[in-house]
Amino acid sequence: MKDTKEIARSTRNHRKLHRIFGSTLVVFFFIIALTGLMLGWKKNSGGLILPKTEKGTSTDLTTWLSYDALHQKAIEALNKHFPDQRSARLDRIDARPDKGIVKFVFKDHFTEIQLDGATGKVLAVNQRTSDIIEQIHDGSILDFLFDTSNGQVKLVYTSIVGGGLALLSFTGFWLWYNPRRIRKQKELSE
C-alpha cells in the first residue's frame, strides 16, 4: 500500500498535467462544445442552421426526372443565382422520395439547391450553415480551407483533442480519488 506522501506526489503530478493540458486545449473544447450544441439544435433552429426541406409535387419515383437531368437543372440554377461562377463540383445528391425533392450539395462551397424530383423546378437555394458548423466541430474546416486531400488536418486535430480529453479524464479521476485515498489511510493509521 502506498504511503500518503507518494499519493500526494502523484496527485501533484496529475494536477500539473491536468492544468497544462486543460489550459492548452480549453479553446478547442469550448469550440467543440458550442458547435456540438448548435448541431444538436440544427433541426429545431427554424431554418437558421439547417435549411428547411421543401416539398415536391410527386413522391412516385417513376414520375421523377433522371438524376442527370436534375443535376443539369441544379447547375443552371447555381449559375443563375450566383453569377460569380461558383464551382459546380458536386459533393452529394440527397434524394428525399417521401418529400418529392432532391438536394444537390456542392463541394467547394456550402450551397444547396433543392429541386422538385418530378418537374425539376427549383424549390430553394440555401446556404448550408450546418455543414460549416460540422466542419468547424470536427476540424475538417481546415482541410477544406487548405484543400488537403486526405483529411490530414482533421486527423491531427481529432487525435490531439481526443487524446487531451482522455488524459484530462484520467488525471481528473485521480485528482478526485487520491484525496479520498489519503483520507482513508489517515483514518486507518489513527
Protein backbone atom coordinates (compact mmCIF):
# COMPACT_ATOMS: atom_id res chain seq x y z
CA MET A 1 0.00 0.00 0.00
CA LYS A 2 1.38 3.43 -0.95
CA ASP A 3 2.05 5.89 1.81
CA THR A 4 0.36 9.28 1.85
CA LYS A 5 3.49 11.12 0.64
CA GLU A 6 3.63 9.01 -2.54
CA ILE A 7 -0.08 9.53 -3.17
CA ALA A 8 0.29 13.30 -2.59
CA ARG A 9 3.25 13.42 -5.03
CA SER A 10 1.22 11.50 -7.59
CA THR A 11 -1.69 13.92 -7.08
CA ARG A 12 0.59 16.93 -7.67
CA ASN A 13 1.86 15.36 -10.91
CA HIS A 14 -1.69 14.67 -12.06
CA ARG A 15 -2.74 18.24 -11.16
CA LYS A 16 0.19 19.65 -13.17
CA LEU A 17 -0.67 17.52 -16.24
CA HIS A 18 -4.35 18.38 -15.85
CA ARG A 19 -3.60 22.11 -15.67
CA ILE A 20 -1.18 22.08 -18.64
CA PHE A 21 -3.45 20.11 -20.96
CA GLY A 22 -6.62 21.80 -19.77
CA SER A 23 -5.28 25.32 -20.27
CA THR A 24 -3.76 24.38 -23.64
CA LEU A 25 -6.90 22.78 -25.05
CA VAL A 26 -9.63 24.87 -23.40
CA VAL A 27 -10.30 26.91 -26.56
CA PHE A 28 -10.74 23.74 -28.64
CA PHE A 29 -13.05 22.19 -26.03
CA PHE A 30 -15.12 25.38 -25.98
CA ILE A 31 -15.43 25.35 -29.80
CA ILE A 32 -16.38 21.66 -29.80
CA ALA A 33 -18.97 22.20 -27.06
CA LEU A 34 -20.51 25.24 -28.76
CA THR A 35 -20.66 23.69 -32.22
CA GLY A 36 -21.93 20.39 -30.76
CA LEU A 37 -24.75 22.29 -29.08
CA MET A 38 -25.59 24.03 -32.35
CA LEU A 39 -25.56 20.74 -34.28
CA GLY A 40 -27.85 19.20 -31.68
CA TRP A 41 -30.35 22.01 -32.31
CA LYS A 42 -29.96 22.22 -36.11
CA LYS A 43 -33.29 20.59 -36.97
CA ASN A 44 -35.08 22.80 -34.47
CA SER A 45 -33.47 26.10 -35.49
CA GLY A 46 -36.26 27.26 -37.78
CA GLY A 47 -34.02 27.06 -40.85
CA LEU A 48 -31.18 29.15 -39.36
CA ILE A 49 -28.72 26.26 -39.12
CA LEU A 50 -30.23 23.58 -41.34
CA PRO A 51 -32.30 24.73 -44.31
CA LYS A 52 -35.93 23.63 -44.33
CA THR A 53 -36.61 20.75 -46.69
CA GLU A 54 -39.22 21.80 -49.24
CA LYS A 55 -41.94 19.57 -50.72
CA GLY A 56 -42.13 18.46 -54.33
CA THR A 57 -45.12 17.56 -56.45
CA SER A 58 -44.71 13.77 -56.55
CA THR A 59 -43.43 11.04 -54.27
CA ASP A 60 -43.79 8.49 -57.09
CA LEU A 61 -40.23 7.85 -58.29
CA THR A 62 -41.44 6.66 -61.71
CA THR A 63 -42.53 10.25 -62.44
CA TRP A 64 -39.17 11.75 -61.49
CA LEU A 65 -36.64 13.11 -63.93
CA SER A 66 -33.30 11.32 -64.17
CA TYR A 67 -30.52 12.34 -61.81
CA ASP A 68 -28.54 13.55 -64.79
CA ALA A 69 -31.37 15.86 -65.90
CA LEU A 70 -31.87 17.11 -62.33
CA HIS A 71 -28.13 17.68 -61.98
CA GLN A 72 -28.13 19.84 -65.13
CA LYS A 73 -31.02 21.89 -63.73
CA ALA A 74 -29.16 22.30 -60.43
CA ILE A 75 -26.09 23.63 -62.28
CA GLU A 76 -28.29 26.04 -64.28
CA ALA A 77 -29.82 27.28 -61.02
CA LEU A 78 -26.37 27.64 -59.46
CA ASN A 79 -25.15 29.75 -62.37
CA LYS A 80 -28.33 31.85 -62.37
CA HIS A 81 -28.28 32.57 -58.62
CA PHE A 82 -24.51 33.06 -58.41
CA PRO A 83 -23.16 34.81 -61.49
CA ASP A 84 -19.73 34.85 -59.78
CA GLN A 85 -19.25 31.42 -61.36
CA ARG A 86 -19.24 29.25 -58.24
CA SER A 87 -17.80 25.80 -58.77
CA ALA A 88 -20.31 23.18 -59.89
CA ARG A 89 -18.25 20.34 -58.44
CA LEU A 90 -20.81 18.14 -56.71
CA ASP A 91 -20.34 16.81 -53.18
CA ARG A 92 -23.52 14.78 -52.84
CA ILE A 93 -27.07 14.25 -54.01
CA ASP A 94 -29.62 13.85 -51.23
CA ALA A 95 -32.86 12.37 -52.56
CA ARG A 96 -35.95 12.60 -50.37
CA PRO A 97 -38.60 10.48 -52.10
CA ASP A 98 -41.08 10.96 -49.25
CA LYS A 99 -40.88 14.74 -49.80
CA GLY A 100 -40.62 14.58 -53.61
CA ILE A 101 -37.35 16.53 -53.71
CA VAL A 102 -33.67 16.16 -54.49
CA LYS A 103 -30.95 18.28 -52.83
CA PHE A 104 -27.71 18.99 -54.65
CA VAL A 105 -24.87 19.97 -52.33
CA PHE A 106 -21.68 21.38 -53.82
CA LYS A 107 -18.13 20.53 -52.76
CA ASP A 108 -16.28 23.85 -52.99
CA HIS A 109 -18.85 26.00 -51.20
CA PHE A 110 -21.72 25.42 -48.81
CA THR A 111 -24.60 25.84 -51.26
CA GLU A 112 -27.61 23.54 -51.52
CA ILE A 113 -30.13 23.55 -54.34
CA GLN A 114 -33.44 21.76 -53.78
CA LEU A 115 -35.33 20.63 -56.86
CA ASP A 116 -38.72 19.06 -57.36
CA GLY A 117 -37.90 15.47 -58.38
CA ALA A 118 -40.71 15.27 -60.92
CA THR A 119 -40.59 18.71 -62.56
CA GLY A 120 -37.02 19.84 -61.91
CA LYS A 121 -38.35 23.17 -60.62
CA VAL A 122 -36.00 24.99 -58.23
CA LEU A 123 -37.66 24.96 -54.82
CA ALA A 124 -34.86 26.53 -52.77
CA VAL A 125 -31.29 27.76 -52.94
CA ASN A 126 -29.73 27.76 -49.48
CA GLN A 127 -26.51 28.23 -47.55
CA ARG A 128 -25.78 25.03 -45.59
CA THR A 129 -24.67 26.59 -42.32
CA SER A 130 -24.95 23.18 -40.65
CA ASP A 131 -22.15 21.86 -42.90
CA ILE A 132 -19.89 24.77 -41.93
CA ILE A 133 -20.61 24.19 -38.22
CA GLU A 134 -19.99 20.45 -38.59
CA GLN A 135 -16.64 21.09 -40.27
CA ILE A 136 -15.64 23.52 -37.51
CA HIS A 137 -16.74 20.93 -34.94
CA ASP A 138 -14.57 18.12 -36.30
CA GLY A 139 -11.66 20.26 -37.57
CA SER A 140 -12.19 19.41 -41.24
CA ILE A 141 -12.81 23.11 -41.98
CA LEU A 142 -9.01 23.48 -42.10
CA ASP A 143 -8.78 20.65 -44.64
CA PHE A 144 -11.47 22.46 -46.66
CA LEU A 145 -9.66 25.82 -46.46
CA PHE A 146 -6.21 24.38 -47.24
CA ASP A 147 -7.64 21.88 -49.77
CA THR A 148 -5.81 18.91 -48.26
CA SER A 149 -6.53 15.62 -49.95
CA ASN A 150 -6.97 13.05 -47.20
CA GLY A 151 -8.20 14.98 -44.18
CA GLN A 152 -4.74 15.15 -42.59
CA VAL A 153 -5.52 18.25 -40.51
CA LYS A 154 -8.76 16.71 -39.19
CA LEU A 155 -6.87 13.57 -38.18
CA VAL A 156 -4.22 15.54 -36.26
CA TYR A 157 -6.86 17.81 -34.69
CA THR A 158 -9.11 14.97 -33.52
CA SER A 159 -6.10 13.00 -32.23
CA ILE A 160 -4.84 15.93 -30.15
CA VAL A 161 -8.25 16.95 -28.83
CA GLY A 162 -9.45 13.37 -28.24
CA GLY A 163 -6.16 12.37 -26.58
CA GLY A 164 -6.25 15.54 -24.48
CA LEU A 165 -9.81 14.81 -23.35
CA ALA A 166 -8.84 11.23 -22.44
CA LEU A 167 -5.83 12.50 -20.47
CA LEU A 168 -7.96 15.10 -18.67
CA SER A 169 -10.47 12.39 -17.77
CA PHE A 170 -7.69 10.18 -16.43
CA THR A 171 -5.97 12.90 -14.40
CA GLY A 172 -9.33 14.28 -13.26
CA PHE A 173 -10.24 10.90 -11.83
CA TRP A 174 -7.01 10.74 -9.82
CA LEU A 175 -7.47 14.33 -8.63
CA TRP A 176 -10.85 13.25 -7.29
CA TYR A 177 -9.82 9.82 -5.98
CA ASN A 178 -6.38 10.42 -4.38
CA PRO A 179 -7.60 12.78 -1.63
CA ARG A 180 -10.08 10.08 -0.64
CA ARG A 181 -7.26 7.53 -0.50
CA ILE A 182 -5.17 9.85 1.67
CA ARG A 183 -8.12 10.48 4.00
CA LYS A 184 -8.80 6.75 4.26
CA GLN A 185 -5.14 5.99 5.07
CA LYS A 186 -5.08 8.70 7.74
CA GLU A 187 -8.23 7.22 9.29
CA LEU A 188 -6.67 3.75 9.30
CA SER A 189 -3.44 4.97 10.89
CA GLU A 190 -5.26 6.73 13.76
